[in-house]
Amino acid sequence: MAVKKIVSRTITLRSESGAFSTLFGMFKTDKKAQNPDLSLLRSILSNEKAKMIHVLKTKQPNSIYELAKILGRDFKSVRQDLAVLEKFGLIEIIPIHKGNREKLKPILVVDQLKINFDFG
């Protein structure tokens, strides 16, 4: 039996003048290196996003619309939350073609998120 590789993302915050103002150690992804700001990091820790990640892991919805229905939330707000999770490299949104229509399927691509605080 093959051992499943755990995929993780690490974010390191450095304390400067008594505040966490800098984000480092961004992820190695196929996309350009991005520097999400600290307010986005705070928003990733919300209950809504935790529920969303849980649903993506357990139910594996086939579209953003299906995810919104499962969560009982508005499509637009779910799409905005997915954009934040995608920016941090936790999910990928892939197009799926069905006939003449295209659906966007969110997929959880990590098993762990590690946040490090560097108090230097």
PDB file of N, CA and C in Angstrom:
ATOM      1  N   MET A   1       0.839  -1.174   0.000  1.00  0.00           N
ATOM      2  CA  MET A   1       0.000   0.000   0.000  1.00  0.00           C
ATOM      3  C   MET A   1       0.885   1.239   0.000  1.00  0.00           C
ATOM      4  N   ALA A   2       0.604   2.163  -0.893  1.00  0.00           N
ATOM      5  CA  ALA A   2       1.397   3.378  -1.015  1.00  0.00           C
ATOM      6  C   ALA A   2       1.071   4.342   0.122  1.00  0.00           C
ATOM      7  N   VAL A   3       2.091   5.030   0.590  1.00  0.00           N
ATOM      8  CA  VAL A   3       1.914   6.021   1.645  1.00  0.00           C
ATOM      9  C   VAL A   3       1.493   7.333   1.000  1.00  0.00           C
ATOM     10  N   LYS A   4       0.406   7.927   1.519  1.00  0.00           N
ATOM     11  CA  LYS A   4      -0.091   9.187   0.975  1.00  0.00           C
ATOM     12  C   LYS A   4       0.828  10.325   1.400  1.00  0.00           C
ATOM     13  N   LYS A   5       1.246  11.109   0.447  1.00  0.00           N
ATOM     14  CA  LYS A   5       2.083  12.260   0.731  1.00  0.00           C
ATOM     15  C   LYS A   5       1.195  13.395   1.231  1.00  0.00           C
ATOM     16  N   ILE A   6       1.577  14.003   2.343  1.00  0.00           N
ATOM     17  CA  ILE A   6       0.823  15.129   2.891  1.00  0.00           C
ATOM     18  C   ILE A   6       1.343  16.404   2.258  1.00  0.00           C
ATOM     19  N   VAL A   7       0.425  17.162   1.683  1.00  0.00           N
ATOM     20  CA  VAL A   7       0.770  18.434   1.065  1.00  0.00           C
ATOM     21  C   VAL A   7       0.437  19.533   2.060  1.00  0.00           C
ATOM     22  N   SER A   8       1.427  20.386   2.354  1.00  0.00           N
ATOM     23  CA  SER A   8       1.190  21.454   3.312  1.00  0.00           C
ATOM     24  C   SER A   8       1.647  22.791   2.746  1.00  0.00           C
ATOM     25  N   ARG A   9       1.113  23.850   3.300  1.00  0.00           N
ATOM     26  CA  ARG A   9       1.524  25.208   2.975  1.00  0.00           C
ATOM     27  C   ARG A   9       1.974  25.851   4.274  1.00  0.00           C
ATOM     28  N   THR A  10       3.025  26.666   4.210  1.00  0.00           N
ATOM     29  CA  THR A  10       3.533  27.337   5.401  1.00  0.00           C
ATOM     30  C   THR A  10       3.572  28.834   5.164  1.00  0.00           C
ATOM     31  N   ILE A  11       3.078  29.563   6.141  1.00  0.00           N
ATOM     32  CA  ILE A  11       3.109  31.026   6.115  1.00  0.00           C
ATOM     33  C   ILE A  11       3.895  31.448   7.347  1.00  0.00           C
ATOM     34  N   THR A  12       4.869  32.327   7.167  1.00  0.00           N
ATOM     35  CA  THR A  12       5.648  32.820   8.295  1.00  0.00           C
ATOM     36  C   THR A  12       5.416  34.308   8.439  1.00  0.00           C
ATOM     37  N   LEU A  13       5.057  34.727   9.643  1.00  0.00           N
ATOM     38  CA  LEU A  13       4.850  36.137   9.944  1.00  0.00           C
ATOM     39  C   LEU A  13       5.978  36.614  10.842  1.00  0.00           C
ATOM     40  N   ARG A  14       6.520  37.768  10.543  1.00  0.00           N
ATOM     41  CA  ARG A  14       7.604  38.327  11.350  1.00  0.00           C
ATOM     42  C   ARG A  14       7.072  39.534  12.112  1.00  0.00           C
ATOM     43  N   SER A  15       7.444  39.613  13.373  1.00  0.00           N
ATOM     44  CA  SER A  15       7.026  40.731  14.214  1.00  0.00           C
ATOM     45  C   SER A  15       7.955  41.907  13.968  1.00  0.00           C
ATOM     46  N   GLU A  16       7.366  43.045  13.626  1.00  0.00           N
ATOM     47  CA  GLU A  16       8.132  44.277  13.444  1.00  0.00           C
ATOM     48  C   GLU A  16       7.439  45.375  14.227  1.00  0.00           C
ATOM     49  N   SER A  17       8.148  45.978  15.144  1.00  0.00           N
ATOM     50  CA  SER A  17       7.612  47.066  15.967  1.00  0.00           C
ATOM     51  C   SER A  17       6.329  46.665  16.672  1.00  0.00           C
ATOM     52  N   GLY A  18       6.271  45.457  17.166  1.00  0.00           N
ATOM     53  CA  GLY A  18       5.123  45.011  17.940  1.00  0.00           C
ATOM     54  C   GLY A  18       3.904  44.620  17.126  1.00  0.00           C
ATOM     55  N   ALA A  19       4.039  44.555  15.800  1.00  0.00           N
ATOM     56  CA  ALA A  19       2.895  44.167  14.967  1.00  0.00           C
ATOM     57  C   ALA A  19       3.353  43.182  13.906  1.00  0.00           C
ATOM     58  N   PHE A  20       2.477  42.302  13.514  1.00  0.00           N
ATOM     59  CA  PHE A  20       2.794  41.387  12.426  1.00  0.00           C
ATOM     60  C   PHE A  20       2.473  42.105  11.126  1.00  0.00           C
ATOM     61  N   SER A  21       3.500  42.557  10.458  1.00  0.00           N
ATOM     62  CA  SER A  21       3.259  43.385   9.281  1.00  0.00           C
ATOM     63  C   SER A  21       3.793  42.779   7.993  1.00  0.00           C
ATOM     64  N   THR A  22       4.570  41.708   8.082  1.00  0.00           N
ATOM     65  CA  THR A  22       5.196  41.176   6.883  1.00  0.00           C
ATOM     66  C   THR A  22       4.868  39.706   6.727  1.00  0.00           C
ATOM     67  N   LEU A  23       4.587  39.336   5.508  1.00  0.00           N
ATOM     68  CA  LEU A  23       4.316  37.939   5.191  1.00  0.00           C
ATOM     69  C   LEU A  23       5.494  37.406   4.405  1.00  0.00           C
ATOM     70  N   PHE A  24       6.052  36.284   4.816  1.00  0.00           N
ATOM     71  CA  PHE A  24       7.126  35.665   4.052  1.00  0.00           C
ATOM     72  C   PHE A  24       6.843  34.215   3.784  1.00  0.00           C
ATOM     73  N   GLY A  25       7.871  33.570   3.212  1.00  0.00           N
ATOM     74  CA  GLY A  25       7.815  32.131   3.012  1.00  0.00           C
ATOM     75  C   GLY A  25       6.605  31.720   2.209  1.00  0.00           C
ATOM     76  N   MET A  26       6.331  32.480   1.194  1.00  0.00           N
ATOM     77  CA  MET A  26       5.162  32.133   0.382  1.00  0.00           C
ATOM     78  C   MET A  26       5.410  30.812  -0.309  1.00  0.00           C
ATOM     79  N   PHE A  27       4.393  30.303  -0.883  1.00  0.00           N
ATOM     80  CA  PHE A  27       4.384  28.943  -1.367  1.00  0.00           C
ATOM     81  C   PHE A  27       5.072  28.802  -2.708  1.00  0.00           C
ATOM     82  N   LYS A  28       5.590  27.636  -2.931  1.00  0.00           N
ATOM     83  CA  LYS A  28       6.144  27.314  -4.236  1.00  0.00           C
ATOM     84  C   LYS A  28       5.026  26.671  -5.040  1.00  0.00           C
ATOM     85  N   THR A  29       4.511  27.433  -5.977  1.00  0.00           N
ATOM     86  CA  THR A  29       3.433  26.922  -6.822  1.00  0.00           C
ATOM     87  C   THR A  29       3.796  27.194  -8.266  1.00  0.00           C
ATOM     88  N   ASP A  30       2.942  26.719  -9.142  1.00  0.00           N
ATOM     89  CA  ASP A  30       3.162  26.971 -10.559  1.00  0.00           C
ATOM     90  C   ASP A  30       2.847  28.418 -10.914  1.00  0.00           C
ATOM     91  N   LYS A  31       2.069  29.073 -10.081  1.00  0.00           N
ATOM     92  CA  LYS A  31       1.674  30.448 -10.355  1.00  0.00           C
ATOM     93  C   LYS A  31       2.782  31.379  -9.907  1.00  0.00           C
ATOM     94  N   LYS A  32       2.676  32.651 -10.332  1.00  0.00           N
ATOM     95  CA  LYS A  32       3.637  33.654  -9.902  1.00  0.00           C
ATOM     96  C   LYS A  32       3.602  33.770  -8.383  1.00  0.00           C
ATOM     97  N   ALA A  33       4.754  34.093  -7.795  1.00  0.00           N
ATOM     98  CA  ALA A  33       4.794  34.312  -6.347  1.00  0.00           C
ATOM     99  C   ALA A  33       3.905  35.492  -6.019  1.00  0.00           C
ATOM    100  N   GLN A  34       3.060  35.296  -5.039  1.00  0.00           N
ATOM    101  CA  GLN A  34       2.133  36.346  -4.651  1.00  0.00           C
ATOM    102  C   GLN A  34       2.390  36.705  -3.198  1.00  0.00           C
ATOM    103  N   ASN A  35       2.046  37.892  -2.802  1.00  0.00           N
ATOM    104  CA  ASN A  35       2.164  38.314  -1.423  1.00  0.00           C
ATOM    105  C   ASN A  35       0.806  38.756  -0.908  1.00  0.00           C
ATOM    106  N   PRO A  36      -0.034  37.819  -0.501  1.00  0.00           N
ATOM    107  CA  PRO A  36      -1.308  38.217   0.076  1.00  0.00           C
ATOM    108  C   PRO A  36      -1.050  39.036   1.340  1.00  0.00           C
ATOM    109  N   ASP A  37      -1.886  40.030   1.603  1.00  0.00           N
ATOM    110  CA  ASP A  37      -1.638  40.849   2.785  1.00  0.00           C
ATOM    111  C   ASP A  37      -2.187  40.198   4.048  1.00  0.00           C
ATOM    112  N   LEU A  38      -1.849  40.788   5.176  1.00  0.00           N
ATOM    113  CA  LEU A  38      -2.186  40.226   6.469  1.00  0.00           C
ATOM    114  C   LEU A  38      -3.689  40.146   6.691  1.00  0.00           C
ATOM    115  N   SER A  39      -4.449  41.109   6.167  1.00  0.00           N
ATOM    116  CA  SER A  39      -5.906  41.065   6.347  1.00  0.00           C
ATOM    117  C   SER A  39      -6.496  39.840   5.651  1.00  0.00           C
ATOM    118  N   LEU A  40      -5.927  39.441   4.513  1.00  0.00           N
ATOM    119  CA  LEU A  40      -6.397  38.219   3.849  1.00  0.00           C
ATOM    120  C   LEU A  40      -6.074  36.990   4.696  1.00  0.00           C
ATOM    121  N   LEU A  41      -4.901  36.998   5.332  1.00  0.00           N
ATOM    122  CA  LEU A  41      -4.546  35.878   6.207  1.00  0.00           C
ATOM    123  C   LEU A  41      -5.538  35.769   7.356  1.00  0.00           C
ATOM    124  N   ARG A  42      -5.915  36.904   7.932  1.00  0.00           N
ATOM    125  CA  ARG A  42      -6.912  36.881   9.007  1.00  0.00           C
ATOM    126  C   ARG A  42      -8.228  36.306   8.511  1.00  0.00           C
ATOM    127  N   SER A  43      -8.606  36.668   7.306  1.00  0.00           N
ATOM    128  CA  SER A  43      -9.897  36.207   6.788  1.00  0.00           C
ATOM    129  C   SER A  43      -9.897  34.709   6.491  1.00  0.00           C
ATOM    130  N   ILE A  44      -8.734  34.134   6.261  1.00  0.00           N
ATOM    131  CA  ILE A  44      -8.668  32.703   5.959  1.00  0.00           C
ATOM    132  C   ILE A  44      -9.021  31.870   7.193  1.00  0.00           C
ATOM    133  N   LEU A  45      -8.942  32.480   8.361  1.00  0.00           N
ATOM    134  CA  LEU A  45      -9.211  31.776   9.603  1.00  0.00           C
ATOM    135  C   LEU A  45     -10.675  31.903  10.047  1.00  0.00           C
ATOM    136  N   SER A  46     -11.561  32.290   9.159  1.00  0.00           N
ATOM    137  CA  SER A  46     -12.971  32.460   9.516  1.00  0.00           C
ATOM    138  C   SER A  46     -13.702  31.122   9.576  1.00  0.00           C
ATOM    139  N   ASN A  47     -14.815  31.103  10.298  1.00  0.00           N
ATOM    140  CA  ASN A  47     -15.635  29.891  10.393  1.00  0.00           C
ATOM    141  C   ASN A  47     -16.202  29.496   9.030  1.00  0.00           C
ATOM    142  N   GLU A  48     -16.572  30.490   8.211  1.00  0.00           N
ATOM    143  CA  GLU A  48     -17.129  30.189   6.889  1.00  0.00           C
ATOM    144  C   GLU A  48     -16.125  29.446   6.022  1.00  0.00           C
ATOM    145  N   LYS A  49     -14.879  29.892   6.064  1.00  0.00           N
ATOM    146  CA  LYS A  49     -13.861  29.221   5.250  1.00  0.00           C
ATOM    147  C   LYS A  49     -13.517  27.844   5.809  1.00  0.00           C
ATOM    148  N   ALA A  50     -13.564  27.702   7.130  1.00  0.00           N
ATOM    149  CA  ALA A  50     -13.329  26.387   7.729  1.00  0.00           C
ATOM    150  C   ALA A  50     -14.415  25.407   7.295  1.00  0.00           C
ATOM    151  N   LYS A  51     -15.671  25.846   7.290  1.00  0.00           N
ATOM    152  CA  LYS A  51     -16.767  24.989   6.822  1.00  0.00           C
ATOM    153  C   LYS A  51     -16.588  24.645   5.350  1.00  0.00           C
ATOM    154  N   MET A  52     -16.173  25.642   4.566  1.00  0.00           N
ATOM    155  CA  MET A  52     -15.972  25.439   3.137  1.00  0.00           C
ATOM    156  C   MET A  52     -14.883  24.394   2.895  1.00  0.00           C
ATOM    157  N   ILE A  53     -13.786  24.497   3.607  1.00  0.00           N
ATOM    158  CA  ILE A  53     -12.687  23.537   3.462  1.00  0.00           C
ATOM    159  C   ILE A  53     -13.160  22.136   3.860  1.00  0.00           C
ATOM    160  N   HIS A  54     -13.932  22.051   4.930  1.00  0.00           N
ATOM    161  CA  HIS A  54     -14.460  20.760   5.370  1.00  0.00           C
ATOM    162  C   HIS A  54     -15.354  20.134   4.293  1.00  0.00           C
ATOM    163  N   VAL A  55     -16.232  20.932   3.693  1.00  0.00           N
ATOM    164  CA  VAL A  55     -17.125  20.427   2.638  1.00  0.00           C
ATOM    165  C   VAL A  55     -16.315  20.007   1.415  1.00  0.00           C
ATOM    166  N   LEU A  56     -15.312  20.804   1.056  1.00  0.00           N
ATOM    167  CA  LEU A  56     -14.473  20.429  -0.088  1.00  0.00           C
ATOM    168  C   LEU A  56     -13.769  19.099   0.164  1.00  0.00           C
ATOM    169  N   LYS A  57     -13.332  18.873   1.383  1.00  0.00           N
ATOM    170  CA  LYS A  57     -12.621  17.636   1.724  1.00  0.00           C
ATOM    171  C   LYS A  57     -13.566  16.430   1.782  1.00  0.00           C
ATOM    172  N   THR A  58     -14.742  16.612   2.390  1.00  0.00           N
ATOM    173  CA  THR A  58     -15.619  15.474   2.637  1.00  0.00           C
ATOM    174  C   THR A  58     -16.626  15.192   1.523  1.00  0.00           C
ATOM    175  N   LYS A  59     -17.175  16.239   0.917  1.00  0.00           N
ATOM    176  CA  LYS A  59     -18.243  16.039  -0.074  1.00  0.00           C
ATOM    177  C   LYS A  59     -17.770  16.188  -1.518  1.00  0.00           C
ATOM    178  N   GLN A  60     -16.646  16.851  -1.723  1.00  0.00           N
ATOM    179  CA  GLN A  60     -16.055  17.049  -3.044  1.00  0.00           C
ATOM    180  C   GLN A  60     -17.094  17.477  -4.091  1.00  0.00           C
ATOM    181  N   PRO A  61     -17.685  18.667  -3.907  1.00  0.00           N
ATOM    182  CA  PRO A  61     -18.705  19.145  -4.850  1.00  0.00           C
ATOM    183  C   PRO A  61     -18.127  19.310  -6.258  1.00  0.00           C
ATOM    184  N   ASN A  62     -18.991  19.156  -7.256  1.00  0.00           N
ATOM    185  CA  ASN A  62     -18.563  19.216  -8.654  1.00  0.00           C
ATOM    186  C   ASN A  62     -18.549  20.615  -9.244  1.00  0.00           C
ATOM    187  N   SER A  63     -19.030  21.604  -8.492  1.00  0.00           N
ATOM    188  CA  SER A  63     -19.032  22.977  -9.001  1.00  0.00           C
ATOM    189  C   SER A  63     -19.125  23.955  -7.834  1.00  0.00           C
ATOM    190  N   ILE A  64     -18.847  25.210  -8.139  1.00  0.00           N
ATOM    191  CA  ILE A  64     -18.991  26.255  -7.129  1.00  0.00           C
ATOM    192  C   ILE A  64     -20.463  26.385  -6.739  1.00  0.00           C
ATOM    193  N   TYR A  65     -21.341  26.270  -7.707  1.00  0.00           N
ATOM    194  CA  TYR A  65     -22.779  26.343  -7.443  1.00  0.00           C
ATOM    195  C   TYR A  65     -23.208  25.244  -6.462  1.00  0.00           C
ATOM    196  N   GLU A  66     -22.735  24.036  -6.679  1.00  0.00           N
ATOM    197  CA  GLU A  66     -23.064  22.919  -5.783  1.00  0.00           C
ATOM    198  C   GLU A  66     -22.514  23.171  -4.378  1.00  0.00           C
ATOM    199  N   LEU A  67     -21.302  23.709  -4.295  1.00  0.00           N
ATOM    200  CA  LEU A  67     -20.708  24.049  -3.004  1.00  0.00           C
ATOM    201  C   LEU A  67     -21.563  25.081  -2.278  1.00  0.00           C
ATOM    202  N   ALA A  68     -22.003  26.108  -2.997  1.00  0.00           N
ATOM    203  CA  ALA A  68     -22.841  27.149  -2.400  1.00  0.00           C
ATOM    204  C   ALA A  68     -24.155  26.559  -1.879  1.00  0.00           C
ATOM    205  N   LYS A  69     -24.749  25.637  -2.636  1.00  0.00           N
ATOM    206  CA  LYS A  69     -25.991  24.999  -2.192  1.00  0.00           C
ATOM    207  C   LYS A  69     -25.772  24.178  -0.925  1.00  0.00           C
ATOM    208  N   ILE A  70     -24.683  23.412  -0.877  1.00  0.00           N
ATOM    209  CA  ILE A  70     -24.379  22.600   0.306  1.00  0.00           C
ATOM    210  C   ILE A  70     -24.200  23.498   1.533  1.00  0.00           C
ATOM    211  N   LEU A  71     -23.506  24.625   1.347  1.00  0.00           N
ATOM    212  CA  LEU A  71     -23.231  25.534   2.450  1.00  0.00           C
ATOM    213  C   LEU A  71     -24.423  26.412   2.809  1.00  0.00           C
ATOM    214  N   GLY A  72     -25.407  26.495   1.898  1.00  0.00           N
ATOM    215  CA  GLY A  72     -26.549  27.373   2.123  1.00  0.00           C
ATOM    216  C   GLY A  72     -26.175  28.834   2.059  1.00  0.00           C
ATOM    217  N   ARG A  73     -25.232  29.154   1.166  1.00  0.00           N
ATOM    218  CA  ARG A  73     -24.722  30.522   1.025  1.00  0.00           C
ATOM    219  C   ARG A  73     -24.912  31.014  -0.387  1.00  0.00           C
ATOM    220  N   ASP A  74     -24.809  32.305  -0.546  1.00  0.00           N
ATOM    221  CA  ASP A  74     -24.913  32.973  -1.830  1.00  0.00           C
ATOM    222  C   ASP A  74     -23.714  32.603  -2.719  1.00  0.00           C
ATOM    223  N   PHE A  75     -23.961  32.362  -4.012  1.00  0.00           N
ATOM    224  CA  PHE A  75     -22.907  31.976  -4.953  1.00  0.00           C
ATOM    225  C   PHE A  75     -21.769  32.996  -4.960  1.00  0.00           C
ATOM    226  N   LYS A  76     -22.106  34.286  -5.010  1.00  0.00           N
ATOM    227  CA  LYS A  76     -21.083  35.329  -5.120  1.00  0.00           C
ATOM    228  C   LYS A  76     -20.160  35.345  -3.897  1.00  0.00           C
ATOM    229  N   SER A  77     -20.719  35.195  -2.697  1.00  0.00           N
ATOM    230  CA  SER A  77     -19.880  35.216  -1.495  1.00  0.00           C
ATOM    231  C   SER A  77     -19.006  33.959  -1.416  1.00  0.00           C
ATOM    232  N   VAL A  78     -19.535  32.823  -1.865  1.00  0.00           N
ATOM    233  CA  VAL A  78     -18.734  31.598  -1.902  1.00  0.00           C
ATOM    234  C   VAL A  78     -17.592  31.765  -2.890  1.00  0.00           C
ATOM    235  N   ARG A  79     -17.860  32.355  -4.039  1.00  0.00           N
ATOM    236  CA  ARG A  79     -16.823  32.585  -5.058  1.00  0.00           C
ATOM    237  C   ARG A  79     -15.724  33.489  -4.520  1.00  0.00           C
ATOM    238  N   GLN A  80     -16.106  34.534  -3.767  1.00  0.00           N
ATOM    239  CA  GLN A  80     -15.115  35.442  -3.176  1.00  0.00           C
ATOM    240  C   GLN A  80     -14.249  34.719  -2.146  1.00  0.00           C
ATOM    241  N   ASP A  81     -14.866  33.876  -1.318  1.00  0.00           N
ATOM    242  CA  ASP A  81     -14.098  33.114  -0.332  1.00  0.00           C
ATOM    243  C   ASP A  81     -13.156  32.126  -1.010  1.00  0.00           C
ATOM    244  N   LEU A  82     -13.613  31.517  -2.088  1.00  0.00           N
ATOM    245  CA  LEU A  82     -12.751  30.593  -2.832  1.00  0.00           C
ATOM    246  C   LEU A  82     -11.550  31.320  -3.421  1.00  0.00           C
ATOM    247  N   ALA A  83     -11.756  32.564  -3.850  1.00  0.00           N
ATOM    248  CA  ALA A  83     -10.648  33.346  -4.416  1.00  0.00           C
ATOM    249  C   ALA A  83      -9.549  33.554  -3.376  1.00  0.00           C
ATOM    250  N   VAL A  84      -9.926  33.778  -2.120  1.00  0.00           N
ATOM    251  CA  VAL A  84      -8.940  33.937  -1.048  1.00  0.00           C
ATOM    252  C   VAL A  84      -8.194  32.630  -0.814  1.00  0.00           C
ATOM    253  N   LEU A  85      -8.939  31.531  -0.734  1.00  0.00           N
ATOM    254  CA  LEU A  85      -8.303  30.222  -0.519  1.00  0.00           C
ATOM    255  C   LEU A  85      -7.373  29.871  -1.682  1.00  0.00           C
ATOM    256  N   GLU A  86      -7.768  30.255  -2.891  1.00  0.00           N
ATOM    257  CA  GLU A  86      -6.933  29.997  -4.067  1.00  0.00           C
ATOM    258  C   GLU A  86      -5.670  30.847  -4.024  1.00  0.00           C
ATOM    259  N   LYS A  87      -5.784  32.083  -3.579  1.00  0.00           N
ATOM    260  CA  LYS A  87      -4.630  32.976  -3.514  1.00  0.00           C
ATOM    261  C   LYS A  87      -3.563  32.430  -2.561  1.00  0.00           C
ATOM    262  N   PHE A  88      -3.989  31.759  -1.497  1.00  0.00           N
ATOM    263  CA  PHE A  88      -3.053  31.159  -0.548  1.00  0.00           C
ATOM    264  C   PHE A  88      -2.608  29.763  -0.961  1.00  0.00           C
ATOM    265  N   GLY A  89      -3.096  29.270  -2.088  1.00  0.00           N
ATOM    266  CA  GLY A  89      -2.648  27.970  -2.595  1.00  0.00           C
ATOM    267  C   GLY A  89      -3.293  26.779  -1.915  1.00  0.00           C
ATOM    268  N   LEU A  90      -4.431  26.989  -1.242  1.00  0.00           N
ATOM    269  CA  LEU A  90      -5.094  25.887  -0.549  1.00  0.00           C
ATOM    270  C   LEU A  90      -6.031  25.109  -1.467  1.00  0.00           C
ATOM    271  N   ILE A  91      -6.546  25.787  -2.475  1.00  0.00           N
ATOM    272  CA  ILE A  91      -7.444  25.136  -3.425  1.00  0.00           C
ATOM    273  C   ILE A  91      -7.023  25.483  -4.845  1.00  0.00           C
ATOM    274  N   GLU A  92      -7.529  24.716  -5.780  1.00  0.00           N
ATOM    275  CA  GLU A  92      -7.425  25.040  -7.194  1.00  0.00           C
ATOM    276  C   GLU A  92      -8.830  24.978  -7.763  1.00  0.00           C
ATOM    277  N   ILE A  93      -9.095  25.821  -8.729  1.00  0.00           N
ATOM    278  CA  ILE A  93     -10.384  25.799  -9.409  1.00  0.00           C
ATOM    279  C   ILE A  93     -10.122  25.367 -10.842  1.00  0.00           C
ATOM    280  N   ILE A  94     -10.698  24.226 -11.195  1.00  0.00           N
ATOM    281  CA  ILE A  94     -10.442  23.684 -12.526  1.00  0.00           C
ATOM    282  C   ILE A  94     -11.726  23.709 -13.357  1.00  0.00           C
ATOM    283  N   PRO A  95     -11.591  24.010 -14.637  1.00  0.00           N
ATOM    284  CA  PRO A  95     -12.773  23.995 -15.510  1.00  0.00           C
ATOM    285  C   PRO A  95     -13.113  22.561 -15.914  1.00  0.00           C
ATOM    286  N   ILE A  96     -14.401  22.259 -15.880  1.00  0.00           N
ATOM    287  CA  ILE A  96     -14.895  20.955 -16.328  1.00  0.00           C
ATOM    288  C   ILE A  96     -15.933  21.220 -17.412  1.00  0.00           C
ATOM    289  N   HIS A  97     -15.752  20.606 -18.557  1.00  0.00           N
ATOM    290  CA  HIS A  97     -16.664  20.807 -19.675  1.00  0.00           C
ATOM    291  C   HIS A  97     -17.707  19.702 -19.704  1.00  0.00           C
ATOM    292  N   LYS A  98     -18.951  20.109 -19.808  1.00  0.00           N
ATOM    293  CA  LYS A  98     -20.056  19.162 -19.912  1.00  0.00           C
ATOM    294  C   LYS A  98     -20.951  19.665 -21.032  1.00  0.00           C
ATOM    295  N   GLY A  99     -20.845  19.022 -22.185  1.00  0.00           N
ATOM    296  CA  GLY A  99     -21.578  19.503 -23.354  1.00  0.00           C
ATOM    297  C   GLY A  99     -21.027  20.850 -23.771  1.00  0.00           C
ATOM    298  N   ASN A 100     -21.911  21.826 -23.917  1.00  0.00           N
ATOM    299  CA  ASN A 100     -21.482  23.179 -24.295  1.00  0.00           C
ATOM    300  C   ASN A 100     -21.218  24.066 -23.089  1.00  0.00           C
ATOM    301  N   ARG A 101     -21.389  23.518 -21.893  1.00  0.00           N
ATOM    302  CA  ARG A 101     -21.241  24.309 -20.682  1.00  0.00           C
ATOM    303  C   ARG A 101     -19.914  24.003 -19.993  1.00  0.00           C
ATOM    304  N   GLU A 102     -19.450  25.010 -19.277  1.00  0.00           N
ATOM    305  CA  GLU A 102     -18.238  24.839 -18.486  1.00  0.00           C
ATOM    306  C   GLU A 102     -18.585  25.104 -17.021  1.00  0.00           C
ATOM    307  N   LYS A 103     -18.202  24.180 -16.147  1.00  0.00           N
ATOM    308  CA  LYS A 103     -18.365  24.360 -14.710  1.00  0.00           C
ATOM    309  C   LYS A 103     -16.986  24.540 -14.112  1.00  0.00           C
ATOM    310  N   LEU A 104     -16.935  25.295 -13.031  1.00  0.00           N
ATOM    311  CA  LEU A 104     -15.685  25.466 -12.310  1.00  0.00           C
ATOM    312  C   LEU A 104     -15.756  24.636 -11.038  1.00  0.00           C
ATOM    313  N   LYS A 105     -14.824  23.695 -10.921  1.00  0.00           N
ATOM    314  CA  LYS A 105     -14.810  22.777  -9.786  1.00  0.00           C
ATOM    315  C   LYS A 105     -13.694  23.160  -8.821  1.00  0.00           C
ATOM    316  N   PRO A 106     -14.055  23.489  -7.558  1.00  0.00           N
ATOM    317  CA  PRO A 106     -13.020  23.772  -6.559  1.00  0.00           C
ATOM    318  C   PRO A 106     -12.493  22.470  -5.969  1.00  0.00           C
ATOM    319  N   ILE A 107     -11.176  22.384  -5.872  1.00  0.00           N
ATOM    320  CA  ILE A 107     -10.531  21.179  -5.344  1.00  0.00           C
ATOM    321  C   ILE A 107      -9.553  21.586  -4.248  1.00  0.00           C
ATOM    322  N   LEU A 108      -9.664  20.948  -3.096  1.00  0.00           N
ATOM    323  CA  LEU A 108      -8.725  21.169  -2.007  1.00  0.00           C
ATOM    324  C   LEU A 108      -7.418  20.462  -2.362  1.00  0.00           C
ATOM    325  N   VAL A 109      -6.318  21.199  -2.343  1.00  0.00           N
ATOM    326  CA  VAL A 109      -5.048  20.617  -2.781  1.00  0.00           C
ATOM    327  C   VAL A 109      -4.027  20.463  -1.649  1.00  0.00           C
ATOM    328  N   VAL A 110      -4.399  20.825  -0.437  1.00  0.00           N
ATOM    329  CA  VAL A 110      -3.479  20.686   0.694  1.00  0.00           C
ATOM    330  C   VAL A 110      -4.143  19.899   1.820  1.00  0.00           C
ATOM    331  N   ASP A 111      -3.308  19.332   2.659  1.00  0.00           N
ATOM    332  CA  ASP A 111      -3.783  18.610   3.827  1.00  0.00           C
ATOM    333  C   ASP A 111      -3.515  19.392   5.110  1.00  0.00           C
ATOM    334  N   GLN A 112      -2.552  20.310   5.052  1.00  0.00           N
ATOM    335  CA  GLN A 112      -2.164  21.061   6.240  1.00  0.00           C
ATOM    336  C   GLN A 112      -1.877  22.508   5.880  1.00  0.00           C
ATOM    337  N   LEU A 113      -2.175  23.401   6.827  1.00  0.00           N
ATOM    338  CA  LEU A 113      -1.773  24.804   6.732  1.00  0.00           C
ATOM    339  C   LEU A 113      -1.023  25.117   8.015  1.00  0.00           C
ATOM    340  N   LYS A 114       0.220  25.537   7.887  1.00  0.00           N
ATOM    341  CA  LYS A 114       1.038  25.862   9.043  1.00  0.00           C
ATOM    342  C   LYS A 114       1.309  27.354   9.036  1.00  0.00           C
ATOM    343  N   ILE A 115       1.050  27.987  10.160  1.00  0.00           N
ATOM    344  CA  ILE A 115       1.330  29.427  10.308  1.00  0.00           C
ATOM    345  C   ILE A 115       2.379  29.570  11.394  1.00  0.00           C
ATOM    346  N   ASN A 116       3.505  30.128  11.015  1.00  0.00           N
ATOM    347  CA  ASN A 116       4.612  30.333  11.945  1.00  0.00           C
ATOM    348  C   ASN A 116       4.708  31.809  12.320  1.00  0.00           C
ATOM    349  N   PHE A 117       4.952  32.088  13.584  1.00  0.00           N
ATOM    350  CA  PHE A 117       5.167  33.440  14.052  1.00  0.00           C
ATOM    351  C   PHE A 117       6.628  33.575  14.440  1.00  0.00           C
ATOM    352  N   ASP A 118       7.330  34.499  13.776  1.00  0.00           N
ATOM    353  CA  ASP A 118       8.752  34.722  14.051  1.00  0.00           C
ATOM    354  C   ASP A 118       8.873  35.970  14.919  1.00  0.00           C
ATOM    355  N   PHE A 119       9.185  35.775  16.199  1.00  0.00           N
ATOM    356  CA  PHE A 119       9.296  36.897  17.122  1.00  0.00           C
ATOM    357  C   PHE A 119      10.718  37.460  17.173  1.00  0.00           C
ATOM    358  N   GLY A 120      11.583  36.875  16.325  1.00  0.00           N
ATOM    359  CA  GLY A 120      12.948  37.334  16.143  1.00  0.00           C
ATOM    360  C   GLY A 120      13.617  37.663  17.398  1.00  0.00           C
TER     361      GLY A 120
END
